[in-house]
C-alpha atoms as a PDB file:
ATOM      1  CA  MET A   1       0.000   0.000   0.000  1.00  0.00           C
ATOM      2  CA  ASP A   2       1.531   3.330  -1.064  1.00  0.00           C
ATOM      3  CA  ASP A   3       1.138   6.638   0.786  1.00  0.00           C
ATOM      4  CA  SER A   4      -1.724   7.806  -1.431  1.00  0.00           C
ATOM      5  CA  ASP A   5      -3.747   4.634  -0.854  1.00  0.00           C
ATOM      6  CA  ARG A   6      -2.985   4.812   2.847  1.00  0.00           C
ATOM      7  CA  GLN A   7      -4.285   8.376   3.048  1.00  0.00           C
ATOM      8  CA  ASP A   8      -7.420   7.368   1.146  1.00  0.00           C
ATOM      9  CA  LEU A   9      -7.990   4.475   3.532  1.00  0.00           C
ATOM     10  CA  HIS A  10      -7.571   6.626   6.634  1.00  0.00           C
ATOM     11  CA  GLU A  11      -9.919   9.247   5.215  1.00  0.00           C
ATOM     12  CA  GLY A  12     -12.406   6.517   4.294  1.00  0.00           C
ATOM     13  CA  MET A  13     -12.322   5.281   7.892  1.00  0.00           C
ATOM     14  CA  ARG A  14     -12.963   8.788   9.176  1.00  0.00           C
ATOM     15  CA  ILE A  15     -15.917   9.191   6.812  1.00  0.00           C
ATOM     16  CA  VAL A  16     -17.398   5.821   7.790  1.00  0.00           C
ATOM     17  CA  GLY A  17     -17.019   6.471  11.513  1.00  0.00           C
ATOM     18  CA  ALA A  18     -18.582   9.936  11.290  1.00  0.00           C
ATOM     19  CA  ALA A  19     -21.458   8.822   9.012  1.00  0.00           C
ATOM     20  CA  LEU A  20     -22.422   5.840  11.170  1.00  0.00           C
ATOM     21  CA  SER A  21     -22.267   7.984  14.303  1.00  0.00           C
ATOM     22  CA  ASP A  22     -24.418  10.703  12.741  1.00  0.00           C
ATOM     23  CA  ALA A  23     -26.958   8.052  11.662  1.00  0.00           C
ATOM     24  CA  GLY A  24     -27.171   6.698  15.226  1.00  0.00           C
ATOM     25  CA  ILE A  25     -26.094   3.213  14.147  1.00  0.00           C
ATOM     26  CA  PRO A  26     -24.285   1.034  16.699  1.00  0.00           C
ATOM     27  CA  PHE A  27     -20.914   0.059  15.233  1.00  0.00           C
ATOM     28  CA  ALA A  28     -17.316  -0.714  16.101  1.00  0.00           C
ATOM     29  CA  LEU A  29     -13.980  -0.587  14.344  1.00  0.00           C
ATOM     30  CA  ALA A  30     -12.798  -4.188  13.996  1.00  0.00           C
ATOM     31  CA  GLY A  31     -10.012  -6.260  12.470  1.00  0.00           C
ATOM     32  CA  GLY A  32      -6.427  -5.153  12.035  1.00  0.00           C
ATOM     33  CA  PHE A  33      -7.017  -1.462  12.669  1.00  0.00           C
ATOM     34  CA  ALA A  34      -8.875  -2.210  15.910  1.00  0.00           C
ATOM     35  CA  ALA A  35      -5.883  -4.315  16.961  1.00  0.00           C
ATOM     36  CA  TRP A  36      -3.585  -1.405  16.009  1.00  0.00           C
ATOM     37  CA  VAL A  37      -5.557   0.959  18.262  1.00  0.00           C
ATOM     38  CA  HIS A  38      -4.890  -1.476  21.128  1.00  0.00           C
ATOM     39  CA  GLY A  39      -1.160  -1.595  20.372  1.00  0.00           C
ATOM     40  CA  ALA A  40      -0.589  -4.078  17.531  1.00  0.00           C
ATOM     41  CA  PRO A  41       1.448  -3.160  14.421  1.00  0.00           C
ATOM     42  CA  GLN A  42      -0.475  -0.882  12.043  1.00  0.00           C
ATOM     43  CA  SER A  43      -2.498  -2.772   9.474  1.00  0.00           C
ATOM     44  CA  GLU A  44      -1.564  -2.547   5.798  1.00  0.00           C
ATOM     45  CA  HIS A  45      -4.834  -4.107   4.690  1.00  0.00           C
ATOM     46  CA  ASP A  46      -8.434  -3.009   4.282  1.00  0.00           C
ATOM     47  CA  ALA A  47     -10.300  -1.572   7.249  1.00  0.00           C
ATOM     48  CA  ASP A  48     -13.215  -3.404   8.885  1.00  0.00           C
ATOM     49  CA  PHE A  49     -16.254  -2.075  10.733  1.00  0.00           C
ATOM     50  CA  VAL A  50     -18.987  -4.216  12.286  1.00  0.00           C
ATOM     51  CA  ILE A  51     -22.661  -3.267  12.503  1.00  0.00           C
ATOM     52  CA  ARG A  52     -25.892  -5.028  13.435  1.00  0.00           C
ATOM     53  CA  GLU A  53     -27.490  -7.016  10.641  1.00  0.00           C
ATOM     54  CA  GLN A  54     -30.780  -5.124  11.028  1.00  0.00           C
ATOM     55  CA  ASP A  55     -28.923  -1.842  10.383  1.00  0.00           C
ATOM     56  CA  ARG A  56     -27.470  -2.955   7.058  1.00  0.00           C
ATOM     57  CA  SER A  57     -29.838  -0.924   4.833  1.00  0.00           C
ATOM     58  CA  THR A  58     -29.634   2.199   6.998  1.00  0.00           C
ATOM     59  CA  ALA A  59     -25.851   2.021   7.078  1.00  0.00           C
ATOM     60  CA  TRP A  60     -25.681   1.459   3.306  1.00  0.00           C
ATOM     61  CA  GLU A  61     -27.794   4.585   2.701  1.00  0.00           C
ATOM     62  CA  ALA A  62     -25.809   6.654   5.208  1.00  0.00           C
ATOM     63  CA  LEU A  63     -22.503   5.814   3.503  1.00  0.00           C
ATOM     64  CA  ALA A  64     -23.927   6.172  -0.002  1.00  0.00           C
ATOM     65  CA  ALA A  65     -24.805   9.764   0.909  1.00  0.00           C
ATOM     66  CA  THR A  66     -21.102  10.526   1.444  1.00  0.00           C
ATOM     67  CA  GLU A  67     -18.313  10.782  -1.117  1.00  0.00           C
ATOM     68  CA  LEU A  68     -17.614   7.058  -0.744  1.00  0.00           C
ATOM     69  CA  ARG A  69     -18.497   4.551  -3.460  1.00  0.00           C
ATOM     70  CA  VAL A  70     -20.659   1.843  -1.903  1.00  0.00           C
ATOM     71  CA  GLU A  71     -21.003  -1.596  -3.480  1.00  0.00           C
ATOM     72  CA  ASP A  72     -22.692  -4.907  -2.702  1.00  0.00           C
ATOM     73  CA  PRO A  73     -20.362  -7.880  -3.299  1.00  0.00           C
ATOM     74  CA  VAL A  74     -21.483 -11.456  -3.918  1.00  0.00           C
ATOM     75  CA  GLU A  75     -20.799 -12.294  -0.263  1.00  0.00           C
ATOM     76  CA  ASN A  76     -23.900 -12.034   1.915  1.00  0.00           C
ATOM     77  CA  TRP A  77     -22.182 -10.956   5.131  1.00  0.00           C
ATOM     78  CA  LEU A  78     -20.825  -7.501   4.281  1.00  0.00           C
ATOM     79  CA  PHE A  79     -20.859  -4.570   1.890  1.00  0.00           C
ATOM     80  CA  LYS A  80     -17.969  -2.405   0.735  1.00  0.00           C
ATOM     81  CA  ALA A  81     -17.211   1.309   0.758  1.00  0.00           C
ATOM     82  CA  TYR A  82     -14.389   2.725  -1.369  1.00  0.00           C
ATOM     83  CA  ARG A  83     -12.456   5.959  -1.356  1.00  0.00           C
ATOM     84  CA  GLY A  84     -10.421   5.715  -4.511  1.00  0.00           C
ATOM     85  CA  ASP A  85      -8.999   2.204  -4.443  1.00  0.00           C
ATOM     86  CA  ALA A  86      -8.947   2.071  -0.642  1.00  0.00           C
ATOM     87  CA  LEU A  87     -11.531  -0.322   0.774  1.00  0.00           C
ATOM     88  CA  VAL A  88     -13.537  -0.304   3.990  1.00  0.00           C
ATOM     89  CA  ASP A  89     -15.573  -3.458   4.713  1.00  0.00           C
ATOM     90  CA  ILE A  90     -18.857  -3.034   6.590  1.00  0.00           C
ATOM     91  CA  ILE A  91     -19.536  -6.411   8.192  1.00  0.00           C
ATOM     92  CA  PHE A  92     -22.873  -7.482   9.637  1.00  0.00           C
ATOM     93  CA  ARG A  93     -22.285 -11.236   9.975  1.00  0.00           C
ATOM     94  CA  LEU A  94     -19.295 -12.930  11.621  1.00  0.00           C
ATOM     95  CA  ASP A  95     -18.519 -16.564  10.885  1.00  0.00           C
ATOM     96  CA  GLY A  96     -22.006 -17.017   9.446  1.00  0.00           C
ATOM     97  CA  GLU A  97     -23.859 -15.460  12.391  1.00  0.00           C
ATOM     98  CA  PRO A  98     -25.192 -11.920  13.009  1.00  0.00           C
ATOM     99  CA  VAL A  99     -22.706  -9.709  14.837  1.00  0.00           C
ATOM    100  CA  PRO A 100     -23.542 -10.183  18.557  1.00  0.00           C
ATOM    101  CA  GLU A 101     -25.091  -7.181  20.285  1.00  0.00           C
ATOM    102  CA  GLU A 102     -22.647  -7.631  23.172  1.00  0.00           C
ATOM    103  CA  ILE A 103     -19.720  -6.640  20.963  1.00  0.00           C
ATOM    104  CA  PHE A 104     -21.035  -3.079  20.735  1.00  0.00           C
ATOM    105  CA  GLY A 105     -21.577  -2.866  24.481  1.00  0.00           C
ATOM    106  CA  ARG A 106     -18.003  -3.974  25.169  1.00  0.00           C
ATOM    107  CA  ALA A 107     -16.432  -1.635  22.595  1.00  0.00           C
ATOM    108  CA  GLU A 108     -14.342   1.253  23.924  1.00  0.00           C
ATOM    109  CA  SER A 109     -14.217   4.754  22.450  1.00  0.00           C
ATOM    110  CA  PHE A 110     -10.921   5.946  20.945  1.00  0.00           C
ATOM    111  CA  ASP A 111      -9.845   8.820  18.734  1.00  0.00           C
ATOM    112  CA  VAL A 112      -8.981   7.187  15.395  1.00  0.00           C
ATOM    113  CA  PHE A 113      -7.376   9.508  12.847  1.00  0.00           C
ATOM    114  CA  GLY A 114      -9.122  12.457  14.467  1.00  0.00           C
ATOM    115  CA  VAL A 115     -12.602  10.920  14.743  1.00  0.00           C
ATOM    116  CA  PRO A 116     -13.903   9.421  18.019  1.00  0.00           C
ATOM    117  CA  MET A 117     -15.335   5.976  17.413  1.00  0.00           C
ATOM    118  CA  PRO A 118     -16.021   2.721  19.291  1.00  0.00           C
ATOM    119  CA  VAL A 119     -13.308   0.108  18.868  1.00  0.00           C
ATOM    120  CA  MET A 120     -13.787  -3.618  19.385  1.00  0.00           C
ATOM    121  CA  GLN A 121     -12.415  -4.956  22.670  1.00  0.00           C
ATOM    122  CA  ALA A 122      -9.142  -6.895  22.539  1.00  0.00           C
ATOM    123  CA  THR A 123     -10.717 -10.201  23.617  1.00  0.00           C
ATOM    124  CA  ASP A 124     -13.322  -9.888  20.869  1.00  0.00           C
ATOM    125  CA  ILE A 125     -10.656  -9.024  18.281  1.00  0.00           C
ATOM    126  CA  LEU A 126      -8.606 -12.155  18.990  1.00  0.00           C
ATOM    127  CA  SER A 127     -11.693 -14.357  19.300  1.00  0.00           C
ATOM    128  CA  GLU A 128     -13.018 -13.322  15.907  1.00  0.00           C
ATOM    129  CA  LYS A 129      -9.636 -13.552  14.191  1.00  0.00           C
ATOM    130  CA  MET A 130      -9.184 -17.079  15.522  1.00  0.00           C
ATOM    131  CA  ARG A 131     -12.735 -18.294  14.902  1.00  0.00           C
ATOM    132  CA  VAL A 132     -12.326 -17.812  11.146  1.00  0.00           C
ATOM    133  CA  LEU A 133      -9.151 -19.918  10.893  1.00  0.00           C
ATOM    134  CA  THR A 134      -9.642 -22.779   8.456  1.00  0.00           C
ATOM    135  CA  GLU A 135      -7.505 -25.184   6.437  1.00  0.00           C
ATOM    136  CA  GLN A 136      -7.537 -22.690   3.567  1.00  0.00           C
ATOM    137  CA  ARG A 137      -7.051 -19.653   5.798  1.00  0.00           C
ATOM    138  CA  CYS A 138      -4.537 -20.487   8.478  1.00  0.00           C
ATOM    139  CA  ASN A 139      -1.775 -17.865   8.406  1.00  0.00           C
ATOM    140  CA  PHE A 140      -0.366 -17.715  11.925  1.00  0.00           C
ATOM    141  CA  SER A 141       2.346 -15.265  10.842  1.00  0.00           C
ATOM    142  CA  ASN A 142      -0.244 -12.473  10.594  1.00  0.00           C
ATOM    143  CA  LEU A 143      -1.984 -13.422  13.826  1.00  0.00           C
ATOM    144  CA  LEU A 144       1.066 -13.931  16.045  1.00  0.00           C
ATOM    145  CA  PRO A 145       2.163 -10.253  16.226  1.00  0.00           C
ATOM    146  CA  VAL A 146      -1.397  -9.276  17.171  1.00  0.00           C
ATOM    147  CA  ALA A 147      -1.533 -11.886  19.938  1.00  0.00           C
ATOM    148  CA  ARG A 148       1.855 -10.768  21.276  1.00  0.00           C
ATOM    149  CA  ALA A 149       0.842  -7.102  21.330  1.00  0.00           C
ATOM    150  CA  LEU A 150      -2.585  -7.620  22.892  1.00  0.00           C
ATOM    151  CA  ARG A 151      -1.839 -10.555  25.186  1.00  0.00           C
ATOM    152  CA  GLU A 152      -2.195  -8.636  28.466  1.00  0.00           C
ATOM    153  CA  GLN A 153      -5.525  -7.117  27.365  1.00  0.00           C
ATOM    154  CA  VAL A 154      -7.112 -10.426  26.362  1.00  0.00           C
ATOM    155  CA  ASP A 155      -9.111 -12.831  28.538  1.00  0.00           C
ATOM    156  CA  TRP A 156      -7.656 -16.026  27.093  1.00  0.00           C
ATOM    157  CA  VAL A 157     -10.044 -18.302  28.974  1.00  0.00           C
ATOM    158  CA  VAL A 158     -12.950 -16.549  27.230  1.00  0.00           C
ATOM    159  CA  VAL A 159     -11.142 -16.869  23.894  1.00  0.00           C
ATOM    160  CA  ALA A 160     -10.618 -20.605  24.467  1.00  0.00           C
ATOM    161  CA  ASP A 161     -14.316 -21.075  25.176  1.00  0.00           C
ATOM    162  CA  ARG A 162     -15.321 -19.191  22.028  1.00  0.00           C
ATOM    163  CA  ILE A 163     -13.001 -21.056  19.667  1.00  0.00           C
ATOM    164  CA  ALA A 164     -13.603 -24.518  21.167  1.00  0.00           C
ATOM    165  CA  GLY A 165     -14.039 -27.111  18.414  1.00  0.00           C
ATOM    166  CA  ASN A 166     -11.972 -25.234  15.829  1.00  0.00           C
ATOM    167  CA  PRO A 167      -8.754 -27.305  15.574  1.00  0.00           C
ATOM    168  CA  TYR A 168      -6.810 -24.541  13.812  1.00  0.00           C
ATOM    169  CA  ALA A 169      -7.648 -21.975  16.471  1.00  0.00           C
ATOM    170  CA  GLU A 170      -6.931 -24.489  19.231  1.00  0.00           C
ATOM    171  CA  ALA A 171      -3.563 -25.217  17.609  1.00  0.00           C
ATOM    172  CA  PHE A 172      -2.771 -21.500  17.662  1.00  0.00           C
ATOM    173  CA  LEU A 173      -3.483 -21.373  21.410  1.00  0.00           C
ATOM    174  CA  TYR A 174      -1.074 -24.282  21.872  1.00  0.00           C
ATOM    175  CA  LEU A 175       1.525 -22.430  19.784  1.00  0.00           C
ATOM    176  CA  LEU A 176       1.165 -19.319  21.954  1.00  0.00           C
ATOM    177  CA  ASP A 177       1.833 -21.463  25.026  1.00  0.00           C
ATOM    178  CA  ARG A 178       4.881 -23.147  23.463  1.00  0.00           C
ATOM    179  CA  LEU A 179       6.295 -19.745  22.470  1.00  0.00           C
ATOM    180  CA  ASP A 180       5.737 -18.417  26.021  1.00  0.00           C
ATOM    181  CA  VAL A 181       3.425 -15.698  24.722  1.00  0.00           C
ATOM    182  CA  VAL A 182       0.586 -16.685  27.056  1.00  0.00           C
ATOM    183  CA  GLU A 183      -0.113 -19.613  29.331  1.00  0.00           C
ATOM    184  CA  HIS A 184      -2.584 -22.055  27.794  1.00  0.00           C
ATOM    185  CA  PRO A 185      -6.053 -21.352  29.241  1.00  0.00           C
ATOM    186  CA  ASP A 186      -6.460 -24.993  30.286  1.00  0.00           C
ATOM    187  CA  THR A 187      -3.367 -24.633  32.464  1.00  0.00           C
ATOM    188  CA  ALA A 188      -4.757 -21.443  33.978  1.00  0.00           C
ATOM    189  CA  ARG A 189      -8.057 -23.200  34.671  1.00  0.00           C
ATOM    190  CA  ALA A 190      -6.281 -26.115  36.347  1.00  0.00           C
ATOM    191  CA  GLY A 191      -4.242 -23.738  38.484  1.00  0.00           C
ATOM    192  CA  GLY A 192      -7.369 -21.931  39.587  1.00  0.00           C
ATOM    193  CA  ALA A 193      -9.053 -25.210  40.513  1.00  0.00           C
ATOM    194  CA  GLU A 194      -6.020 -26.268  42.574  1.00  0.00           C
ATOM    195  CA  ASP A 195      -6.066 -22.920  44.384  1.00  0.00           C
ATOM    196  CA  ASP A 196      -9.748 -23.367  45.172  1.00  0.00           C
ATOM    197  CA  ASP A 197      -9.146 -26.910  46.432  1.00  0.00           C
ATOM    198  CA  GLY A 198      -6.259 -25.700  48.574  1.00  0.00           C
ATOM    199  CA  ALA A 199      -8.303 -22.911  50.067  1.00  0.00           C
ATOM    200  CA  ALA A 200     -11.164 -25.293  50.799  1.00  0.00           C
ATOM    201  CA  GLY A 201      -8.761 -27.729  52.444  1.00  0.00           C
ATOM    202  CA  ALA A 202      -7.307 -25.003  54.608  1.00  0.00           C
ATOM    203  CA  VAL A 203     -10.767 -23.955  55.756  1.00  0.00           C
ATOM    204  CA  GLU A 204     -11.680 -27.556  56.578  1.00  0.00           C
ATOM    205  CA  ALA A 205      -8.450 -27.979  58.542  1.00  0.00           C
ATOM    206  CA  ARG A 206      -9.157 -24.852  60.572  1.00  0.00           C
ATOM    207  CA  ASP A 207     -12.691 -26.052  61.212  1.00  0.00           C
ATOM    208  CA  ASP A 208     -11.404 -29.446  62.336  1.00  0.00           C
ATOM    209  CA  GLU A 209      -8.896 -27.814  64.669  1.00  0.00           C
ATOM    210  CA  GLY A 210     -11.583 -25.705  66.254  1.00  0.00           C
ATOM    211  CA  ALA A 211     -14.204 -28.442  66.469  1.00  0.00           C
ATOM    212  CA  GLY A 212     -15.131 -29.561  69.931  1.00  0.00           C
ATOM    213  CA  THR A 213     -13.269 -26.771  71.770  1.00  0.00           C
ATOM    214  CA  GLY A 214     -16.562 -25.071  72.643  1.00  0.00           C
ATOM    215  CA  GLY A 215     -16.636 -22.014  74.874  1.00  0.00           C
ATOM    216  CA  VAL A 216     -18.208 -18.594  74.577  1.00  0.00           C
ATOM    217  CA  GLU A 217     -15.216 -17.276  72.629  1.00  0.00           C
ATOM    218  CA  ASP A 218     -15.951 -19.620  69.715  1.00  0.00           C
ATOM    219  CA  LEU A 219     -19.612 -18.695  69.717  1.00  0.00           C
ATOM    220  CA  VAL A 220     -19.086 -14.936  69.574  1.00  0.00           C
ATOM    221  CA  ARG A 221     -15.929 -14.781  67.428  1.00  0.00           C
ATOM    222  CA  PRO A 222     -16.741 -12.537  64.424  1.00  0.00           C
ATOM    223  CA  ARG A 223     -16.678 -14.153  60.997  1.00  0.00           C
ATOM    224  CA  ILE A 224     -16.106 -12.350  57.695  1.00  0.00           C
ATOM    225  CA  ALA A 225     -18.353 -13.551  54.891  1.00  0.00           C
END
């Protein structure tokens, strides 16, 4: 992407963010540029925004009223807005399902190229990037820098639950563990269970020690719930 295309893309993002905001449409910046806002390397690809499926027509009309060129592709999960050759994808279905309402509630507001706009949360970014991994689309080299940059902002246990059953995404989690990027969520879960068991055992031991001693002191000793 040359400087001219990059400027067109950034301006296209500003126009999309402002138009959707003015139209009162819930939306969020997604994909590589959302990851960049959270600290990942800047994306050199198209920009992505997510909207609700029921807002598709309203969003299409709002963007068509701007200087952008709006087109419907053959895919039935997005439409496209162009400024010059720079492309902004407006996505209303993720992995074959309508964009969840919760994504918009979790989004955080950031100033992106001079326009305030909601940006997808880091956990949602990684979840969605990993959910779409397939045999034909399994490029870990693009995903690894994002995971490294966002690792401390991501709830990896939630990610593991969301990608369960996708062997390519599960393999990427294993890779992150082997590379010491993040601890595998299953290990974190096991550690938490052991801590709970240890705490329960300690409580039982204290109870056993105190059992049978009786006395007013035991009856009136304050307990913290």
